Protein backbone atom coordinates (compact mmCIF):
# COMPACT_ATOMS: atom_id res chain seq x y z
CA UNK A 1 0.00 0.00 0.00
CA UNK A 2 2.85 2.41 0.71
CA UNK A 3 4.38 1.78 -2.72
CA UNK A 4 1.01 2.34 -4.40
CA UNK A 5 0.52 5.58 -2.48
CA UNK A 6 3.95 6.85 -3.45
CA UNK A 7 3.36 5.86 -7.09
CA UNK A 8 -0.01 7.66 -7.04
CA UNK A 9 1.47 10.92 -5.79
CA UNK A 10 4.36 10.70 -8.25
CA UNK A 11 2.05 10.07 -11.23
CA UNK A 12 -0.40 12.74 -10.06
CA UNK A 13 2.31 15.36 -9.54
CA UNK A 14 3.87 14.66 -12.93
CA UNK A 15 0.44 14.75 -14.56
CA UNK A 16 -0.40 18.14 -13.09
CA UNK A 17 3.05 19.49 -13.98
CA UNK A 18 2.74 18.19 -17.55
CA UNK A 19 -0.70 19.76 -17.91
CA UNK A 20 0.64 23.12 -16.75
CA UNK A 21 3.55 22.88 -19.18
CA UNK A 22 1.17 22.06 -22.06
CA UNK A 23 -0.54 25.43 -21.74
CA UNK A 24 2.51 27.45 -20.67
CA UNK A 25 5.16 26.25 -23.15
CA UNK A 26 5.98 28.81 -25.83
CA UNK A 27 6.91 26.23 -28.44
CA UNK A 28 3.86 24.28 -29.68
CA UNK A 29 6.01 21.23 -30.36
CA UNK A 30 7.08 21.20 -26.73
CA UNK A 31 3.41 21.49 -25.74
CA UNK A 32 2.58 18.34 -27.68
CA UNK A 33 5.51 16.51 -26.10
CA UNK A 34 4.31 17.51 -22.64
CA UNK A 35 0.84 16.31 -23.64
CA UNK A 36 2.29 12.89 -24.50
CA UNK A 37 3.97 12.85 -21.07
CA UNK A 38 0.64 13.70 -19.44
CA UNK A 39 -1.03 10.78 -21.25
CA UNK A 40 1.61 8.41 -19.90
CA UNK A 41 1.06 9.65 -16.35
CA UNK A 42 -2.71 9.23 -16.73
CA UNK A 43 -2.12 5.69 -17.98
CA UNK A 44 -0.06 5.01 -14.86
CA UNK A 45 -2.90 6.23 -12.66
CA UNK A 46 -5.32 3.96 -14.52
CA UNK A 47 -3.01 1.01 -13.87
CA UNK A 48 -3.02 1.80 -10.17
CA UNK A 49 -6.84 1.71 -10.23
CA UNK A 50 -6.84 -1.66 -11.97
CA UNK A 51 -8.17 -0.32 -15.29
CA UNK A 52 -5.59 -1.90 -17.56
CA UNK A 53 -7.79 -1.57 -20.64
CA UNK A 54 -8.16 2.20 -20.23
CA UNK A 55 -4.41 2.54 -19.65
CA UNK A 56 -3.60 0.64 -22.84
CA UNK A 57 -6.14 2.71 -24.78
CA UNK A 58 -4.45 5.89 -23.53
CA UNK A 59 -1.04 4.66 -24.64
CA UNK A 60 -2.04 3.06 -27.96
CA UNK A 61 -4.71 5.48 -29.20
CA UNK A 62 -3.85 8.83 -27.66
CA UNK A 63 -0.07 8.59 -27.47
CA UNK A 64 0.44 6.41 -30.54
CA UNK A 65 -2.06 8.16 -32.83
CA UNK A 66 -3.66 11.37 -31.60
CA UNK A 67 -0.62 13.02 -30.00
CA UNK A 68 1.67 11.99 -32.85
CA UNK A 69 -0.86 13.43 -35.30
CA UNK A 70 -0.90 16.67 -33.32
CA UNK A 71 2.87 16.75 -33.47
CA UNK A 72 2.96 16.26 -37.24
CA UNK A 73 0.26 18.89 -37.82
CA UNK A 74 2.01 21.45 -35.62
CA UNK A 75 5.35 20.82 -37.34
CA UNK A 76 3.87 20.94 -40.86
CA UNK A 77 1.65 24.01 -40.52
CA UNK A 78 3.33 27.36 -41.03
CA UNK A 79 1.61 29.33 -38.28
CA UNK A 80 2.96 32.56 -36.89
CA UNK A 81 2.26 32.10 -33.19
CA UNK A 82 3.58 35.56 -32.35
CA UNK A 83 0.74 37.14 -34.29
CA UNK A 84 -1.75 34.88 -32.55
CA UNK A 85 -0.48 35.95 -29.13
CA UNK A 86 -0.58 39.67 -29.88
CA UNK A 87 -4.26 40.03 -29.00
CA UNK A 88 -4.12 37.61 -26.07
CA UNK A 89 -3.83 40.31 -23.41
CA UNK A 90 -6.97 42.03 -24.68
CA UNK A 91 -9.14 38.97 -24.12
CA UNK A 92 -7.34 37.87 -20.93
CA UNK A 93 -9.95 39.40 -18.55
CA UNK A 94 -12.77 37.67 -20.40
CA UNK A 95 -10.89 34.36 -20.37
CA UNK A 96 -10.16 34.73 -16.66
CA UNK A 97 -13.84 35.43 -15.97
CA UNK A 98 -14.92 32.34 -17.91
CA UNK A 99 -12.30 30.27 -16.09
CA UNK A 100 -13.56 31.46 -12.70
CA UNK A 101 -17.15 30.64 -13.68
CA UNK A 102 -16.14 27.12 -14.74
CA UNK A 103 -14.15 26.69 -11.54
CA UNK A 104 -17.15 27.76 -9.47
CA UNK A 105 -19.38 25.31 -11.35
CA UNK A 106 -16.92 22.48 -10.74
CA UNK A 107 -16.69 23.38 -7.07
CA UNK A 108 -20.49 23.40 -6.81
CA UNK A 109 -20.77 20.02 -8.49
CA UNK A 110 -18.06 18.44 -6.37
CA UNK A 111 -19.39 20.03 -3.20
CA UNK A 112 -22.90 18.83 -3.86
CA UNK A 113 -21.63 15.37 -4.72
CA UNK A 114 -19.63 15.10 -1.48
CA UNK A 115 -22.37 16.31 0.86
CA UNK A 116 -25.15 14.42 -0.92
CA UNK A 117 -26.81 11.72 1.20
CA UNK A 118 -26.03 8.18 0.12
CA UNK A 119 -23.20 9.25 -2.14
CA UNK A 120 -21.39 5.93 -1.72
CA UNK A 121 -24.39 4.04 -3.10
CA UNK A 122 -24.78 6.42 -6.02
CA UNK A 123 -21.12 6.09 -6.92
CA UNK A 124 -21.21 2.30 -6.85
CA UNK A 125 -24.59 1.91 -8.57
CA UNK A 126 -23.53 2.12 -12.26
CA UNK A 127 -20.56 -0.20 -11.81
CA UNK A 128 -21.11 -3.95 -11.51
CA UNK A 129 -19.33 -6.04 -8.93
CA UNK A 130 -15.57 -6.12 -9.38
CA UNK A 131 -15.31 -9.89 -9.10
CA UNK A 132 -18.20 -10.44 -11.53
CA UNK A 133 -16.84 -8.82 -14.70
CA UNK A 134 -13.57 -7.44 -16.01
CA UNK A 135 -12.92 -3.73 -16.19
CA UNK A 136 -13.23 -3.87 -19.99
CA UNK A 137 -16.72 -5.34 -19.78
CA UNK A 138 -17.72 -2.90 -17.04
CA UNK A 139 -16.51 0.01 -19.14
CA UNK A 140 -18.39 -1.30 -22.17
CA UNK A 141 -21.61 -1.68 -20.20
CA UNK A 142 -21.40 1.87 -18.91
CA UNK A 143 -20.43 3.40 -22.25
CA UNK A 144 -22.95 1.60 -24.46
CA UNK A 145 -25.92 1.48 -22.07
CA UNK A 146 -26.10 4.32 -19.58
CA UNK A 147 -23.90 6.79 -21.47
CA UNK A 148 -24.72 5.75 -25.03
CA UNK A 149 -26.23 9.14 -25.93
CA UNK A 150 -23.20 10.99 -24.59
CA UNK A 151 -20.99 8.59 -26.53
CA UNK A 152 -22.88 9.35 -29.74
CA UNK A 153 -22.74 13.08 -28.98
CA UNK A 154 -18.96 12.88 -28.66
CA UNK A 155 -18.82 11.21 -32.06
CA UNK A 156 -20.93 13.99 -33.59
CA UNK A 157 -18.71 16.66 -32.02
CA UNK A 158 -15.60 14.99 -33.43
CA UNK A 159 -17.24 14.75 -36.86
CA UNK A 160 -18.13 18.45 -36.79
CA UNK A 161 -14.58 19.31 -35.69
CA UNK A 162 -13.13 17.26 -38.53
CA UNK A 163 -15.38 18.92 -41.11
CA UNK A 164 -14.57 22.36 -39.67
CA UNK A 165 -10.83 21.68 -39.84
CA UNK A 166 -11.15 20.62 -43.47
CA UNK A 167 -13.19 23.71 -44.37
CA UNK A 168 -10.80 26.08 -42.59
CA UNK A 169 -7.66 24.62 -44.15
CA UNK A 170 -9.04 24.11 -47.68
CA UNK A 171 -7.65 26.80 -49.96
CA UNK A 172 -8.34 27.32 -53.66
CA UNK A 173 -5.42 29.01 -55.38
CA UNK A 174 -5.39 30.09 -59.00
CA UNK A 175 -2.73 28.75 -61.31
CA UNK A 176 -2.16 25.50 -59.40
CA UNK A 177 -2.04 22.43 -61.59
CA UNK A 178 -4.09 19.63 -60.13
CA UNK A 179 -4.84 16.14 -61.22
CA UNK A 180 -8.17 15.68 -63.01
CA UNK A 181 -8.98 12.00 -62.71
CA UNK A 182 -12.18 12.26 -64.75
CA UNK A 183 -10.40 13.86 -67.69
CA UNK A 184 -7.67 11.23 -67.56
CA UNK A 185 -10.15 8.39 -67.61
CA UNK A 186 -12.18 9.98 -70.46
CA UNK A 187 -9.17 10.29 -72.78
CA UNK A 188 -9.13 8.15 -75.91
CA UNK A 189 -6.12 6.23 -77.08
CA UNK A 190 -6.00 7.98 -80.46
CA UNK A 191 -5.77 11.39 -78.76
CA UNK A 192 -2.71 10.66 -76.66
CA UNK A 193 -0.78 7.93 -78.51
CA UNK A 194 0.92 8.56 -81.84
CA UNK A 195 2.70 5.76 -83.66
CA UNK A 196 5.52 6.85 -85.92
CA UNK A 197 7.68 4.69 -88.11
CA UNK A 198 11.26 5.79 -87.86
CA UNK A 199 13.76 4.25 -90.22
CA UNK A 200 17.42 3.86 -89.56
CA UNK A 201 19.29 7.14 -89.71
CA UNK A 202 16.19 9.36 -89.59
CA UNK A 203 15.72 9.49 -85.85
CA UNK A 204 16.51 12.48 -83.72
């Protein structure tokens, strides 16, 4: 138990520090690297809780795919981050106000959850018995039964974000030569192939 407690505090401290560095690092590439470190610390916390499936999903999906994709996108896009930060101080009071409102809402939710009567029963109600099913099956039951609508809503949000990213980055520039697959398929052999008989000594 002492080793697990020490491991929890180490993972938690590194996770919080990595999260702070994600939003405070000046270089966006460094931010993505700190994000990968935060995912690893979260996976370690999931292992301590016995949720091996969630830990592997964090490492395989988020670290191996999502974070690496973020890193490639940040490195490939030519974005002037200095221009983006020029107007940051103007909207800082508004952002601070929104952050305080969200913090107050979280405090109200957590406070109401802690002082609610029978909170232990409510917390254990959605989860089946630990010795009855594995954590993967328990997670699947929760995700696809009680939280199925939220799961579908997350999918819709991701779809909208993907379409928005495509629309924002799609640029039509004049004078750029692009491949026209339809025109290539519609071409006839007589229009593109010319057979010439070249005798000896008459070639170029």
